[in-house]
Amino acid sequence: MLPLLFAIILLLGIFDIYITKEMLASFFISNIFVDTITGTLLGGVLTGNPMISYILGGELTDAGISLYAVTAFILSWVTIGVVQLPAEVEIFGFRFTFYRTLFTFITTILVSLSTVLTMNWLLS
């Protein structure tokens, strides 16, 4: 397990250093559903620390990215974790990992949409 955990930590460090907010902002097209799915996919692949996700989310919001995409990005950044999938398959098995990732992906999209819609409703 130690080599697998070392590889995960190494990949997370590489992502945190080499992926800039400008690179992330280029993926979004200002469509609510497309941006939400894109944010979910990017956050899942670019897994990282929850503390960094809030800072990055603030920077993406300042760059003009929709709140739908930023919310989906933050949720999936912390919960999906494609980088950890090999270790998770090794520990829990393929079937469990597949269903957990699938349900987390769907739930992330639904929660991000409902969160922003609720915020807009409460603030209006």
N, C-alpha and C. Protein backbone atom coordinates (compact mmCIF):
# COMPACT_ATOMS: atom_id res chain seq x y z
N MET A 1 0.80 -1.20 0.00
CA MET A 1 0.00 0.00 0.00
C MET A 1 0.85 1.27 0.00
N LEU A 2 2.01 1.23 0.63
CA LEU A 2 2.83 2.43 0.74
C LEU A 2 3.23 3.01 -0.60
N PRO A 3 3.67 2.22 -1.59
CA PRO A 3 3.98 2.80 -2.90
C PRO A 3 2.77 3.44 -3.58
N LEU A 4 1.59 2.84 -3.40
CA LEU A 4 0.38 3.39 -3.99
C LEU A 4 0.03 4.73 -3.35
N LEU A 5 0.13 4.82 -2.03
CA LEU A 5 -0.14 6.08 -1.34
C LEU A 5 0.88 7.15 -1.71
N PHE A 6 2.13 6.76 -1.86
CA PHE A 6 3.17 7.70 -2.27
C PHE A 6 2.87 8.25 -3.67
N ALA A 7 2.43 7.40 -4.59
CA ALA A 7 2.09 7.84 -5.94
C ALA A 7 0.92 8.81 -5.93
N ILE A 8 -0.07 8.56 -5.08
CA ILE A 8 -1.23 9.46 -4.98
C ILE A 8 -0.79 10.83 -4.47
N ILE A 9 0.01 10.85 -3.43
CA ILE A 9 0.49 12.12 -2.88
C ILE A 9 1.33 12.88 -3.91
N LEU A 10 2.14 12.18 -4.65
CA LEU A 10 2.97 12.80 -5.69
C LEU A 10 2.10 13.42 -6.79
N LEU A 11 1.10 12.69 -7.26
CA LEU A 11 0.21 13.23 -8.29
C LEU A 11 -0.58 14.44 -7.80
N LEU A 12 -1.06 14.40 -6.56
CA LEU A 12 -1.78 15.55 -6.01
C LEU A 12 -0.88 16.78 -5.95
N GLY A 13 0.37 16.59 -5.58
CA GLY A 13 1.31 17.71 -5.54
C GLY A 13 1.57 18.29 -6.92
N ILE A 14 1.69 17.43 -7.91
CA ILE A 14 1.91 17.89 -9.29
C ILE A 14 0.71 18.68 -9.78
N PHE A 15 -0.50 18.20 -9.52
CA PHE A 15 -1.71 18.92 -9.94
C PHE A 15 -1.79 20.28 -9.28
N ASP A 16 -1.51 20.34 -7.98
CA ASP A 16 -1.61 21.62 -7.27
C ASP A 16 -0.63 22.66 -7.79
N ILE A 17 0.52 22.23 -8.28
CA ILE A 17 1.54 23.16 -8.74
C ILE A 17 1.33 23.58 -10.19
N TYR A 18 1.01 22.65 -11.07
CA TYR A 18 1.03 22.93 -12.50
C TYR A 18 -0.32 23.30 -13.13
N ILE A 19 -1.42 23.15 -12.42
CA ILE A 19 -2.73 23.51 -12.97
C ILE A 19 -3.08 24.90 -12.46
N THR A 20 -3.13 25.89 -13.35
CA THR A 20 -3.42 27.27 -12.96
C THR A 20 -4.90 27.58 -13.12
N LYS A 21 -5.33 28.67 -12.50
CA LYS A 21 -6.75 29.05 -12.60
C LYS A 21 -7.11 29.46 -14.04
N GLU A 22 -6.16 30.00 -14.78
CA GLU A 22 -6.43 30.36 -16.18
C GLU A 22 -6.67 29.10 -17.02
N MET A 23 -5.91 28.05 -16.74
CA MET A 23 -6.12 26.79 -17.45
C MET A 23 -7.50 26.24 -17.14
N LEU A 24 -7.91 26.30 -15.88
CA LEU A 24 -9.23 25.81 -15.51
C LEU A 24 -10.34 26.66 -16.11
N ALA A 25 -10.17 27.98 -16.11
CA ALA A 25 -11.19 28.88 -16.63
C ALA A 25 -11.45 28.67 -18.12
N SER A 26 -10.48 28.19 -18.85
CA SER A 26 -10.65 27.99 -20.29
C SER A 26 -11.61 26.85 -20.63
N PHE A 27 -11.96 26.02 -19.66
CA PHE A 27 -12.85 24.89 -19.91
C PHE A 27 -14.34 25.25 -19.83
N PHE A 28 -14.69 26.42 -19.30
CA PHE A 28 -16.09 26.76 -19.05
C PHE A 28 -16.63 27.68 -20.13
N ILE A 29 -17.92 27.46 -20.53
CA ILE A 29 -18.51 28.18 -21.66
C ILE A 29 -19.75 29.00 -21.29
N SER A 30 -20.04 29.16 -20.01
CA SER A 30 -21.18 29.94 -19.52
C SER A 30 -22.53 29.30 -19.84
N ASN A 31 -22.60 27.99 -19.82
CA ASN A 31 -23.85 27.25 -19.92
C ASN A 31 -24.02 26.50 -18.60
N ILE A 32 -25.17 26.68 -17.94
CA ILE A 32 -25.36 26.15 -16.59
C ILE A 32 -25.07 24.65 -16.53
N PHE A 33 -25.70 23.88 -17.40
CA PHE A 33 -25.56 22.42 -17.31
C PHE A 33 -24.19 21.93 -17.77
N VAL A 34 -23.69 22.50 -18.85
CA VAL A 34 -22.38 22.10 -19.36
C VAL A 34 -21.29 22.50 -18.36
N ASP A 35 -21.39 23.69 -17.80
CA ASP A 35 -20.41 24.13 -16.82
C ASP A 35 -20.46 23.29 -15.54
N THR A 36 -21.66 22.88 -15.14
CA THR A 36 -21.79 22.03 -13.95
C THR A 36 -21.13 20.68 -14.17
N ILE A 37 -21.37 20.08 -15.32
CA ILE A 37 -20.76 18.79 -15.63
C ILE A 37 -19.25 18.95 -15.80
N THR A 38 -18.83 20.02 -16.46
CA THR A 38 -17.40 20.27 -16.63
C THR A 38 -16.72 20.48 -15.29
N GLY A 39 -17.34 21.26 -14.42
CA GLY A 39 -16.80 21.48 -13.08
C GLY A 39 -16.68 20.19 -12.29
N THR A 40 -17.69 19.33 -12.44
CA THR A 40 -17.66 18.03 -11.75
C THR A 40 -16.53 17.16 -12.28
N LEU A 41 -16.39 17.10 -13.59
CA LEU A 41 -15.32 16.28 -14.18
C LEU A 41 -13.94 16.81 -13.82
N LEU A 42 -13.74 18.12 -13.94
CA LEU A 42 -12.44 18.70 -13.62
C LEU A 42 -12.08 18.53 -12.15
N GLY A 43 -13.04 18.78 -11.28
CA GLY A 43 -12.79 18.62 -9.86
C GLY A 43 -12.47 17.18 -9.48
N GLY A 44 -13.15 16.24 -10.14
CA GLY A 44 -12.88 14.83 -9.87
C GLY A 44 -11.51 14.40 -10.32
N VAL A 45 -11.06 14.92 -11.44
CA VAL A 45 -9.74 14.56 -11.96
C VAL A 45 -8.63 15.30 -11.21
N LEU A 46 -8.87 16.56 -10.93
CA LEU A 46 -7.85 17.39 -10.26
C LEU A 46 -8.08 17.39 -8.75
N THR A 47 -8.12 16.24 -8.18
CA THR A 47 -8.40 16.07 -6.76
C THR A 47 -7.39 16.82 -5.91
N GLY A 48 -7.87 17.34 -4.78
CA GLY A 48 -6.96 18.05 -3.91
C GLY A 48 -7.49 18.24 -2.52
N ASN A 49 -6.82 19.08 -1.79
CA ASN A 49 -7.11 19.39 -0.41
C ASN A 49 -8.34 20.29 -0.32
N PRO A 50 -9.25 20.05 0.64
CA PRO A 50 -10.43 20.91 0.78
C PRO A 50 -10.09 22.39 0.99
N MET A 51 -9.04 22.68 1.75
CA MET A 51 -8.67 24.07 2.00
C MET A 51 -8.28 24.77 0.71
N ILE A 52 -7.56 24.10 -0.14
CA ILE A 52 -7.15 24.68 -1.42
C ILE A 52 -8.35 24.87 -2.33
N SER A 53 -9.35 23.98 -2.24
CA SER A 53 -10.51 24.08 -3.12
C SER A 53 -11.28 25.38 -2.89
N TYR A 54 -11.37 25.84 -1.65
CA TYR A 54 -12.08 27.09 -1.38
C TYR A 54 -11.32 28.29 -1.94
N ILE A 55 -10.02 28.27 -1.81
CA ILE A 55 -9.20 29.35 -2.36
C ILE A 55 -9.32 29.36 -3.88
N LEU A 56 -9.19 28.18 -4.49
CA LEU A 56 -9.31 28.06 -5.94
C LEU A 56 -10.72 28.42 -6.41
N GLY A 57 -11.72 28.03 -5.64
CA GLY A 57 -13.10 28.40 -5.97
C GLY A 57 -13.31 29.91 -5.97
N GLY A 58 -12.72 30.59 -4.99
CA GLY A 58 -12.80 32.05 -4.95
C GLY A 58 -12.11 32.69 -6.14
N GLU A 59 -10.96 32.14 -6.51
CA GLU A 59 -10.24 32.66 -7.68
C GLU A 59 -11.03 32.43 -8.97
N LEU A 60 -11.64 31.26 -9.09
CA LEU A 60 -12.44 30.98 -10.29
C LEU A 60 -13.67 31.88 -10.36
N THR A 61 -14.29 32.13 -9.22
CA THR A 61 -15.44 33.04 -9.18
C THR A 61 -15.01 34.45 -9.57
N ASP A 62 -13.86 34.88 -9.08
CA ASP A 62 -13.33 36.20 -9.45
C ASP A 62 -13.00 36.28 -10.93
N ALA A 63 -12.65 35.13 -11.54
CA ALA A 63 -12.33 35.09 -12.96
C ALA A 63 -13.58 35.05 -13.83
N GLY A 64 -14.77 35.05 -13.21
CA GLY A 64 -16.02 35.09 -13.97
C GLY A 64 -16.66 33.74 -14.24
N ILE A 65 -16.17 32.68 -13.61
CA ILE A 65 -16.75 31.36 -13.77
C ILE A 65 -18.06 31.31 -12.98
N SER A 66 -19.07 30.66 -13.53
CA SER A 66 -20.38 30.61 -12.88
C SER A 66 -20.31 29.87 -11.55
N LEU A 67 -21.22 30.24 -10.66
CA LEU A 67 -21.27 29.61 -9.36
C LEU A 67 -21.65 28.14 -9.46
N TYR A 68 -22.41 27.78 -10.50
CA TYR A 68 -22.75 26.37 -10.73
C TYR A 68 -21.47 25.55 -10.94
N ALA A 69 -20.60 26.04 -11.80
CA ALA A 69 -19.37 25.32 -12.11
C ALA A 69 -18.44 25.29 -10.90
N VAL A 70 -18.33 26.38 -10.20
CA VAL A 70 -17.43 26.45 -9.04
C VAL A 70 -17.92 25.53 -7.93
N THR A 71 -19.23 25.51 -7.68
CA THR A 71 -19.78 24.62 -6.66
C THR A 71 -19.56 23.16 -7.02
N ALA A 72 -19.81 22.80 -8.27
CA ALA A 72 -19.58 21.43 -8.72
C ALA A 72 -18.10 21.07 -8.62
N PHE A 73 -17.25 22.01 -8.98
CA PHE A 73 -15.80 21.78 -8.91
C PHE A 73 -15.36 21.50 -7.48
N ILE A 74 -15.80 22.33 -6.54
CA ILE A 74 -15.39 22.16 -5.15
C ILE A 74 -15.90 20.83 -4.59
N LEU A 75 -17.16 20.52 -4.87
CA LEU A 75 -17.71 19.26 -4.36
C LEU A 75 -16.96 18.05 -4.90
N SER A 76 -16.74 18.03 -6.20
CA SER A 76 -16.07 16.86 -6.79
C SER A 76 -14.57 16.84 -6.47
N TRP A 77 -13.97 18.00 -6.28
CA TRP A 77 -12.55 18.10 -5.92
C TRP A 77 -12.28 17.31 -4.64
N VAL A 78 -13.25 17.38 -3.72
CA VAL A 78 -13.07 16.74 -2.42
C VAL A 78 -13.63 15.32 -2.38
N THR A 79 -14.68 15.03 -3.16
CA THR A 79 -15.38 13.75 -2.99
C THR A 79 -15.08 12.67 -4.03
N ILE A 80 -14.79 13.03 -5.27
CA ILE A 80 -14.65 11.99 -6.30
C ILE A 80 -13.25 11.40 -6.31
N GLY A 81 -12.25 12.15 -6.60
CA GLY A 81 -10.88 11.68 -6.49
C GLY A 81 -10.47 10.58 -7.44
N VAL A 82 -10.34 10.89 -8.71
CA VAL A 82 -9.92 9.90 -9.71
C VAL A 82 -8.51 9.40 -9.42
N VAL A 83 -7.67 10.25 -8.85
CA VAL A 83 -6.29 9.88 -8.56
C VAL A 83 -6.23 8.72 -7.55
N GLN A 84 -7.18 8.70 -6.62
CA GLN A 84 -7.19 7.68 -5.59
C GLN A 84 -7.89 6.39 -6.01
N LEU A 85 -8.49 6.35 -7.19
CA LEU A 85 -9.27 5.18 -7.59
C LEU A 85 -8.48 3.87 -7.57
N PRO A 86 -7.23 3.83 -8.04
CA PRO A 86 -6.50 2.55 -7.96
C PRO A 86 -6.36 2.03 -6.52
N ALA A 87 -6.08 2.93 -5.59
CA ALA A 87 -5.96 2.51 -4.20
C ALA A 87 -7.32 2.07 -3.65
N GLU A 88 -8.37 2.77 -4.04
CA GLU A 88 -9.71 2.42 -3.58
C GLU A 88 -10.15 1.06 -4.14
N VAL A 89 -9.83 0.80 -5.40
CA VAL A 89 -10.14 -0.50 -5.99
C VAL A 89 -9.38 -1.60 -5.26
N GLU A 90 -8.13 -1.33 -4.93
CA GLU A 90 -7.31 -2.31 -4.22
C GLU A 90 -7.88 -2.64 -2.84
N ILE A 91 -8.39 -1.63 -2.16
CA ILE A 91 -8.88 -1.83 -0.80
C ILE A 91 -10.33 -2.32 -0.77
N PHE A 92 -11.22 -1.68 -1.56
CA PHE A 92 -12.65 -1.97 -1.47
C PHE A 92 -13.19 -2.83 -2.61
N GLY A 93 -12.45 -2.97 -3.68
CA GLY A 93 -12.91 -3.74 -4.82
C GLY A 93 -13.47 -2.85 -5.91
N PHE A 94 -13.50 -3.40 -7.13
CA PHE A 94 -13.92 -2.61 -8.29
C PHE A 94 -15.39 -2.23 -8.22
N ARG A 95 -16.24 -3.18 -7.85
CA ARG A 95 -17.69 -2.92 -7.86
C ARG A 95 -18.06 -1.78 -6.91
N PHE A 96 -17.57 -1.85 -5.68
CA PHE A 96 -17.85 -0.79 -4.71
C PHE A 96 -17.34 0.56 -5.22
N THR A 97 -16.12 0.59 -5.71
CA THR A 97 -15.51 1.83 -6.19
C THR A 97 -16.28 2.41 -7.36
N PHE A 98 -16.71 1.55 -8.29
CA PHE A 98 -17.46 2.02 -9.45
C PHE A 98 -18.77 2.67 -9.01
N TYR A 99 -19.53 1.98 -8.17
CA TYR A 99 -20.82 2.54 -7.74
C TYR A 99 -20.65 3.77 -6.87
N ARG A 100 -19.65 3.79 -6.01
CA ARG A 100 -19.42 4.98 -5.19
C ARG A 100 -19.08 6.19 -6.06
N THR A 101 -18.24 5.98 -7.06
CA THR A 101 -17.85 7.07 -7.94
C THR A 101 -19.04 7.53 -8.79
N LEU A 102 -19.81 6.61 -9.31
CA LEU A 102 -20.99 6.95 -10.12
C LEU A 102 -22.01 7.74 -9.29
N PHE A 103 -22.34 7.25 -8.12
CA PHE A 103 -23.32 7.95 -7.28
C PHE A 103 -22.79 9.29 -6.79
N THR A 104 -21.52 9.37 -6.52
CA THR A 104 -20.93 10.64 -6.11
C THR A 104 -20.96 11.64 -7.25
N PHE A 105 -20.70 11.19 -8.47
CA PHE A 105 -20.75 12.07 -9.63
C PHE A 105 -22.16 12.64 -9.82
N ILE A 106 -23.17 11.78 -9.78
CA ILE A 106 -24.55 12.21 -9.96
C ILE A 106 -24.98 13.13 -8.82
N THR A 107 -24.65 12.75 -7.59
CA THR A 107 -25.03 13.55 -6.44
C THR A 107 -24.34 14.91 -6.46
N THR A 108 -23.10 14.96 -6.90
CA THR A 108 -22.39 16.23 -6.99
C THR A 108 -23.10 17.19 -7.93
N ILE A 109 -23.53 16.70 -9.06
CA ILE A 109 -24.25 17.55 -10.02
C ILE A 109 -25.56 18.04 -9.41
N LEU A 110 -26.33 17.15 -8.81
CA LEU A 110 -27.61 17.54 -8.22
C LEU A 110 -27.44 18.52 -7.05
N VAL A 111 -26.47 18.26 -6.20
CA VAL A 111 -26.24 19.14 -5.05
C VAL A 111 -25.76 20.52 -5.50
N SER A 112 -24.89 20.57 -6.48
CA SER A 112 -24.40 21.88 -6.93
C SER A 112 -25.51 22.69 -7.58
N LEU A 113 -26.34 22.04 -8.40
CA LEU A 113 -27.47 22.75 -9.02
C LEU A 113 -28.44 23.24 -7.95
N SER A 114 -28.80 22.37 -7.02
CA SER A 114 -29.77 22.77 -6.00
C SER A 114 -29.20 23.80 -5.04
N THR A 115 -27.91 23.75 -4.76
CA THR A 115 -27.30 24.75 -3.88
C THR A 115 -27.37 26.14 -4.48
N VAL A 116 -26.99 26.26 -5.74
CA VAL A 116 -27.00 27.58 -6.37
C VAL A 116 -28.43 28.07 -6.58
N LEU A 117 -29.32 27.19 -6.98
CA LEU A 117 -30.73 27.60 -7.12
C LEU A 117 -31.32 28.05 -5.79
N THR A 118 -31.00 27.37 -4.71
CA THR A 118 -31.48 27.76 -3.38
C THR A 118 -30.89 29.10 -2.97
N MET A 119 -29.59 29.28 -3.22
CA MET A 119 -28.96 30.58 -2.90
C MET A 119 -29.61 31.71 -3.68
N ASN A 120 -29.84 31.50 -4.97
CA ASN A 120 -30.48 32.54 -5.79
C ASN A 120 -31.89 32.84 -5.30
N TRP A 121 -32.61 31.81 -4.89
CA TRP A 121 -33.98 31.98 -4.40
C TRP A 121 -33.98 32.75 -3.07
N LEU A 122 -33.05 32.42 -2.17
CA LEU A 122 -32.98 33.09 -0.88
C LEU A 122 -32.51 34.54 -1.00
N LEU A 123 -31.64 34.81 -1.95
CA LEU A 123 -31.09 36.17 -2.10
C LEU A 123 -31.98 37.09 -2.92
N SER A 124 -32.99 36.54 -3.59
CA SER A 124 -33.85 37.41 -4.43
C SER A 124 -35.07 37.89 -3.70
